[in-house]
Amino acid sequence: MPAPAPGDDPYEDVRSSPEFQALRRRFRRFVLPLAALFLVWYAAYVLLADYAHGFMSTRVAGSNITVGLLFGLGQFVSTFAITTVYVRWANRRFDPAAEALRHEVEQRVARGTEVQR
């Protein structure tokens, strides 16, 4: 099968369209800072666990619960919190724009026309 001629691939046209580029920027502006924040939080937990034994083994309020245990549980809580925030953001802001772009591309493919740049 021969390679499509330039402009024949509507998906390549979409990838270079301003709408798709704006969608990618919106995604990156939201996801990358959250991912970086979580990685810093996780690295801090690992480093504290490895190098700050005294601090991590400090008992909280005289119970058997330690700072390390609370930090470890905080990893689970932060994971669920980040997931919840992402899902809400995607449902409100990202998915509608992605769906509109998908719908436009499917209509143009069905009509056999190029996607406008």
N, C-alpha and C. Protein backbone atom coordinates (compact mmCIF):
# COMPACT_ATOMS: atom_id res chain seq x y z
N MET A 1 0.85 -1.17 0.00
CA MET A 1 0.00 0.00 0.00
C MET A 1 0.90 1.24 0.00
N PRO A 2 0.69 2.14 -0.95
CA PRO A 2 1.55 3.32 -1.02
C PRO A 2 1.27 4.28 0.13
N ALA A 3 2.30 5.05 0.46
CA ALA A 3 2.16 6.04 1.53
C ALA A 3 1.22 7.14 1.07
N PRO A 4 0.39 7.65 1.99
CA PRO A 4 -0.53 8.71 1.59
C PRO A 4 0.22 9.98 1.20
N ALA A 5 -0.31 10.66 0.22
CA ALA A 5 0.28 11.93 -0.21
C ALA A 5 0.07 12.98 0.87
N PRO A 6 0.91 14.01 0.92
CA PRO A 6 0.71 15.08 1.92
C PRO A 6 -0.71 15.65 1.80
N GLY A 7 -1.36 15.78 2.93
CA GLY A 7 -2.72 16.30 2.95
C GLY A 7 -3.78 15.22 2.84
N ASP A 8 -3.37 13.97 2.49
CA ASP A 8 -4.33 12.87 2.39
C ASP A 8 -4.65 12.25 3.74
N ASP A 9 -3.77 12.40 4.68
CA ASP A 9 -3.99 11.81 6.00
C ASP A 9 -4.64 12.85 6.91
N PRO A 10 -5.94 12.71 7.16
CA PRO A 10 -6.61 13.73 7.99
C PRO A 10 -6.09 13.75 9.42
N TYR A 11 -5.58 12.64 9.90
CA TYR A 11 -5.08 12.59 11.28
C TYR A 11 -3.77 13.35 11.41
N GLU A 12 -2.96 13.30 10.37
CA GLU A 12 -1.73 14.10 10.38
C GLU A 12 -2.09 15.59 10.34
N ASP A 13 -3.11 15.91 9.58
CA ASP A 13 -3.59 17.30 9.54
C ASP A 13 -4.07 17.74 10.91
N VAL A 14 -4.75 16.84 11.61
CA VAL A 14 -5.26 17.17 12.95
C VAL A 14 -4.10 17.39 13.90
N ARG A 15 -3.11 16.52 13.87
CA ARG A 15 -1.95 16.65 14.77
C ARG A 15 -1.27 17.99 14.61
N SER A 16 -1.30 18.56 13.44
CA SER A 16 -0.63 19.84 13.23
C SER A 16 -1.61 21.02 13.32
N SER A 17 -2.87 20.75 13.60
CA SER A 17 -3.86 21.83 13.67
C SER A 17 -3.71 22.63 14.97
N PRO A 18 -4.07 23.90 14.94
CA PRO A 18 -4.00 24.73 16.16
C PRO A 18 -4.89 24.21 17.28
N GLU A 19 -6.04 23.64 16.93
CA GLU A 19 -6.96 23.12 17.95
C GLU A 19 -6.33 21.96 18.72
N PHE A 20 -5.68 21.05 17.97
CA PHE A 20 -5.05 19.91 18.62
C PHE A 20 -3.85 20.36 19.45
N GLN A 21 -3.08 21.28 18.93
CA GLN A 21 -1.92 21.78 19.67
C GLN A 21 -2.36 22.47 20.96
N ALA A 22 -3.47 23.22 20.90
CA ALA A 22 -4.01 23.87 22.10
C ALA A 22 -4.47 22.82 23.11
N LEU A 23 -5.09 21.75 22.62
CA LEU A 23 -5.54 20.67 23.49
C LEU A 23 -4.35 20.00 24.18
N ARG A 24 -3.28 19.77 23.45
CA ARG A 24 -2.07 19.17 24.03
C ARG A 24 -1.45 20.09 25.08
N ARG A 25 -1.41 21.40 24.77
CA ARG A 25 -0.86 22.35 25.74
C ARG A 25 -1.70 22.37 27.01
N ARG A 26 -3.02 22.35 26.87
CA ARG A 26 -3.90 22.35 28.04
C ARG A 26 -3.65 21.11 28.90
N PHE A 27 -3.50 19.96 28.24
CA PHE A 27 -3.24 18.72 28.96
C PHE A 27 -1.90 18.79 29.70
N ARG A 28 -0.87 19.24 29.00
CA ARG A 28 0.46 19.30 29.61
C ARG A 28 0.51 20.30 30.77
N ARG A 29 -0.15 21.45 30.61
CA ARG A 29 -0.14 22.46 31.68
C ARG A 29 -0.80 21.95 32.94
N PHE A 30 -1.73 21.03 32.81
CA PHE A 30 -2.39 20.49 33.99
C PHE A 30 -1.63 19.27 34.55
N VAL A 31 -1.29 18.35 33.69
CA VAL A 31 -0.75 17.06 34.13
C VAL A 31 0.71 17.15 34.59
N LEU A 32 1.54 17.85 33.88
CA LEU A 32 2.96 17.87 34.24
C LEU A 32 3.23 18.46 35.62
N PRO A 33 2.63 19.59 35.98
CA PRO A 33 2.86 20.08 37.35
C PRO A 33 2.36 19.11 38.43
N LEU A 34 1.21 18.49 38.20
CA LEU A 34 0.71 17.52 39.18
C LEU A 34 1.64 16.32 39.30
N ALA A 35 2.12 15.84 38.17
CA ALA A 35 3.05 14.70 38.19
C ALA A 35 4.34 15.08 38.89
N ALA A 36 4.86 16.27 38.61
CA ALA A 36 6.10 16.72 39.26
C ALA A 36 5.90 16.85 40.77
N LEU A 37 4.77 17.43 41.17
CA LEU A 37 4.48 17.57 42.59
C LEU A 37 4.43 16.21 43.28
N PHE A 38 3.76 15.26 42.66
CA PHE A 38 3.68 13.94 43.26
C PHE A 38 5.05 13.27 43.33
N LEU A 39 5.85 13.39 42.29
CA LEU A 39 7.18 12.78 42.31
C LEU A 39 8.07 13.38 43.39
N VAL A 40 7.97 14.69 43.60
CA VAL A 40 8.74 15.33 44.67
C VAL A 40 8.27 14.80 46.02
N TRP A 41 6.97 14.72 46.20
CA TRP A 41 6.38 14.19 47.45
C TRP A 41 6.83 12.75 47.68
N TYR A 42 6.80 11.93 46.65
CA TYR A 42 7.21 10.53 46.77
C TYR A 42 8.71 10.44 47.08
N ALA A 43 9.53 11.22 46.36
CA ALA A 43 10.98 11.19 46.61
C ALA A 43 11.30 11.64 48.03
N ALA A 44 10.57 12.65 48.51
CA ALA A 44 10.78 13.10 49.90
C ALA A 44 10.47 11.97 50.87
N TYR A 45 9.41 11.25 50.63
CA TYR A 45 9.03 10.12 51.49
C TYR A 45 10.13 9.05 51.49
N VAL A 46 10.58 8.69 50.30
CA VAL A 46 11.61 7.65 50.20
C VAL A 46 12.91 8.10 50.86
N LEU A 47 13.33 9.33 50.61
CA LEU A 47 14.57 9.83 51.20
C LEU A 47 14.46 9.94 52.72
N LEU A 48 13.33 10.40 53.22
CA LEU A 48 13.14 10.47 54.67
C LEU A 48 13.16 9.07 55.29
N ALA A 49 12.52 8.13 54.61
CA ALA A 49 12.49 6.76 55.12
C ALA A 49 13.89 6.16 55.17
N ASP A 50 14.73 6.54 54.22
CA ASP A 50 16.07 5.97 54.16
C ASP A 50 17.07 6.70 55.04
N TYR A 51 16.95 8.02 55.13
CA TYR A 51 17.98 8.80 55.81
C TYR A 51 17.55 9.46 57.12
N ALA A 52 16.28 9.48 57.42
CA ALA A 52 15.81 10.15 58.65
C ALA A 52 15.03 9.16 59.51
N HIS A 53 15.73 8.09 59.91
CA HIS A 53 15.08 7.03 60.69
C HIS A 53 14.48 7.58 61.99
N GLY A 54 15.20 8.42 62.64
CA GLY A 54 14.70 8.96 63.91
C GLY A 54 13.41 9.75 63.73
N PHE A 55 13.39 10.59 62.71
CA PHE A 55 12.18 11.38 62.45
C PHE A 55 11.01 10.49 62.04
N MET A 56 11.26 9.56 61.15
CA MET A 56 10.18 8.71 60.65
C MET A 56 9.67 7.74 61.71
N SER A 57 10.49 7.42 62.70
CA SER A 57 10.04 6.51 63.74
C SER A 57 9.45 7.24 64.95
N THR A 58 9.33 8.55 64.86
CA THR A 58 8.74 9.33 65.94
C THR A 58 7.28 8.95 66.11
N ARG A 59 6.91 8.62 67.33
CA ARG A 59 5.52 8.24 67.61
C ARG A 59 4.65 9.50 67.68
N VAL A 60 3.45 9.37 67.20
CA VAL A 60 2.51 10.48 67.17
C VAL A 60 1.53 10.32 68.33
N ALA A 61 1.46 11.30 69.17
CA ALA A 61 0.52 11.35 70.31
C ALA A 61 0.65 10.12 71.21
N GLY A 62 1.85 9.62 71.37
CA GLY A 62 2.09 8.52 72.30
C GLY A 62 1.48 7.19 71.87
N SER A 63 1.07 7.05 70.64
CA SER A 63 0.47 5.80 70.17
C SER A 63 1.49 4.99 69.38
N ASN A 64 1.06 3.89 68.79
CA ASN A 64 1.93 3.08 67.95
C ASN A 64 2.00 3.61 66.52
N ILE A 65 1.37 4.72 66.28
CA ILE A 65 1.40 5.33 64.95
C ILE A 65 2.62 6.23 64.86
N THR A 66 3.40 6.07 63.79
CA THR A 66 4.63 6.86 63.62
C THR A 66 4.47 7.85 62.46
N VAL A 67 5.40 8.79 62.41
CA VAL A 67 5.41 9.75 61.32
C VAL A 67 5.56 9.02 59.98
N GLY A 68 6.41 8.01 59.94
CA GLY A 68 6.61 7.23 58.71
C GLY A 68 5.33 6.57 58.24
N LEU A 69 4.57 6.02 59.18
CA LEU A 69 3.29 5.41 58.82
C LEU A 69 2.33 6.45 58.24
N LEU A 70 2.28 7.61 58.86
CA LEU A 70 1.41 8.67 58.36
C LEU A 70 1.85 9.14 56.97
N PHE A 71 3.16 9.27 56.76
CA PHE A 71 3.65 9.64 55.43
C PHE A 71 3.30 8.56 54.41
N GLY A 72 3.44 7.31 54.77
CA GLY A 72 3.10 6.21 53.87
C GLY A 72 1.62 6.21 53.51
N LEU A 73 0.78 6.39 54.51
CA LEU A 73 -0.66 6.48 54.23
C LEU A 73 -0.97 7.72 53.40
N GLY A 74 -0.21 8.78 53.64
CA GLY A 74 -0.38 10.00 52.85
C GLY A 74 -0.09 9.78 51.37
N GLN A 75 0.77 8.82 51.05
CA GLN A 75 1.03 8.49 49.65
C GLN A 75 -0.24 7.96 48.99
N PHE A 76 -0.95 7.08 49.70
CA PHE A 76 -2.20 6.55 49.15
C PHE A 76 -3.25 7.64 49.02
N VAL A 77 -3.37 8.45 50.05
CA VAL A 77 -4.36 9.53 50.03
C VAL A 77 -4.06 10.51 48.90
N SER A 78 -2.80 10.88 48.73
CA SER A 78 -2.46 11.83 47.67
C SER A 78 -2.69 11.23 46.28
N THR A 79 -2.44 9.93 46.13
CA THR A 79 -2.70 9.28 44.84
C THR A 79 -4.18 9.35 44.49
N PHE A 80 -5.04 9.03 45.45
CA PHE A 80 -6.48 9.09 45.19
C PHE A 80 -6.93 10.53 44.97
N ALA A 81 -6.36 11.47 45.70
CA ALA A 81 -6.73 12.88 45.54
C ALA A 81 -6.34 13.39 44.15
N ILE A 82 -5.13 13.07 43.71
CA ILE A 82 -4.68 13.50 42.39
C ILE A 82 -5.55 12.87 41.31
N THR A 83 -5.87 11.60 41.46
CA THR A 83 -6.73 10.93 40.48
C THR A 83 -8.10 11.59 40.42
N THR A 84 -8.66 11.90 41.58
CA THR A 84 -9.97 12.54 41.63
C THR A 84 -9.93 13.92 40.98
N VAL A 85 -8.91 14.69 41.28
CA VAL A 85 -8.78 16.03 40.69
C VAL A 85 -8.62 15.93 39.18
N TYR A 86 -7.81 14.98 38.72
CA TYR A 86 -7.61 14.81 37.29
C TYR A 86 -8.91 14.42 36.59
N VAL A 87 -9.64 13.47 37.14
CA VAL A 87 -10.88 13.01 36.51
C VAL A 87 -11.89 14.16 36.44
N ARG A 88 -12.02 14.91 37.49
CA ARG A 88 -12.95 16.05 37.46
C ARG A 88 -12.52 17.08 36.42
N TRP A 89 -11.22 17.39 36.38
CA TRP A 89 -10.71 18.35 35.41
C TRP A 89 -10.95 17.84 33.99
N ALA A 90 -10.63 16.58 33.74
CA ALA A 90 -10.79 16.01 32.40
C ALA A 90 -12.26 16.02 31.98
N ASN A 91 -13.14 15.65 32.88
CA ASN A 91 -14.57 15.63 32.55
C ASN A 91 -15.10 17.02 32.22
N ARG A 92 -14.61 18.04 32.94
CA ARG A 92 -15.11 19.40 32.74
C ARG A 92 -14.42 20.14 31.60
N ARG A 93 -13.12 20.01 31.48
CA ARG A 93 -12.37 20.90 30.58
C ARG A 93 -11.70 20.21 29.40
N PHE A 94 -11.20 19.01 29.59
CA PHE A 94 -10.41 18.38 28.53
C PHE A 94 -11.28 17.53 27.60
N ASP A 95 -12.07 16.65 28.17
CA ASP A 95 -12.84 15.72 27.35
C ASP A 95 -13.82 16.40 26.40
N PRO A 96 -14.54 17.46 26.81
CA PRO A 96 -15.43 18.10 25.84
C PRO A 96 -14.70 18.66 24.62
N ALA A 97 -13.54 19.26 24.84
CA ALA A 97 -12.76 19.79 23.72
C ALA A 97 -12.22 18.66 22.84
N ALA A 98 -11.76 17.58 23.45
CA ALA A 98 -11.27 16.44 22.70
C ALA A 98 -12.40 15.79 21.91
N GLU A 99 -13.55 15.70 22.50
CA GLU A 99 -14.71 15.11 21.83
C GLU A 99 -15.13 15.97 20.63
N ALA A 100 -15.13 17.28 20.79
CA ALA A 100 -15.49 18.18 19.68
C ALA A 100 -14.49 18.03 18.53
N LEU A 101 -13.22 17.95 18.86
CA LEU A 101 -12.19 17.78 17.82
C LEU A 101 -12.35 16.42 17.14
N ARG A 102 -12.61 15.39 17.91
CA ARG A 102 -12.83 14.05 17.32
C ARG A 102 -14.03 14.06 16.38
N HIS A 103 -15.10 14.68 16.81
CA HIS A 103 -16.31 14.74 16.01
C HIS A 103 -16.04 15.47 14.69
N GLU A 104 -15.31 16.58 14.75
CA GLU A 104 -14.96 17.34 13.55
C GLU A 104 -14.13 16.50 12.59
N VAL A 105 -13.16 15.78 13.12
CA VAL A 105 -12.30 14.95 12.27
C VAL A 105 -13.11 13.83 11.63
N GLU A 106 -13.97 13.18 12.41
CA GLU A 106 -14.77 12.09 11.85
C GLU A 106 -15.69 12.59 10.75
N GLN A 107 -16.25 13.78 10.91
CA GLN A 107 -17.11 14.35 9.86
C GLN A 107 -16.30 14.63 8.60
N ARG A 108 -15.12 15.18 8.75
CA ARG A 108 -14.29 15.49 7.59
C ARG A 108 -13.81 14.22 6.90
N VAL A 109 -13.49 13.19 7.68
CA VAL A 109 -13.06 11.92 7.07
C VAL A 109 -14.23 11.33 6.31
N ALA A 110 -15.43 11.39 6.88
CA ALA A 110 -16.61 10.84 6.21
C ALA A 110 -16.89 11.59 4.90
N ARG A 111 -16.64 12.90 4.91
CA ARG A 111 -16.86 13.70 3.68
C ARG A 111 -15.68 13.60 2.72
N GLY A 112 -14.55 13.13 3.24
CA GLY A 112 -13.36 13.02 2.38
C GLY A 112 -12.65 14.34 2.18
N THR A 113 -12.84 15.29 3.09
CA THR A 113 -12.17 16.58 2.96
C THR A 113 -11.01 16.68 3.94
N GLU A 114 -10.10 17.61 3.63
CA GLU A 114 -8.97 17.84 4.51
C GLU A 114 -9.40 18.61 5.75
N VAL A 115 -8.68 18.41 6.81
CA VAL A 115 -8.89 19.18 8.02
C VAL A 115 -8.21 20.52 7.83
N GLN A 116 -8.90 21.61 8.12
CA GLN A 116 -8.35 22.94 7.94
C GLN A 116 -7.26 23.22 8.96
N ARG A 117 -6.22 23.91 8.55
CA ARG A 117 -5.13 24.30 9.44
C ARG A 117 -5.25 25.73 9.80
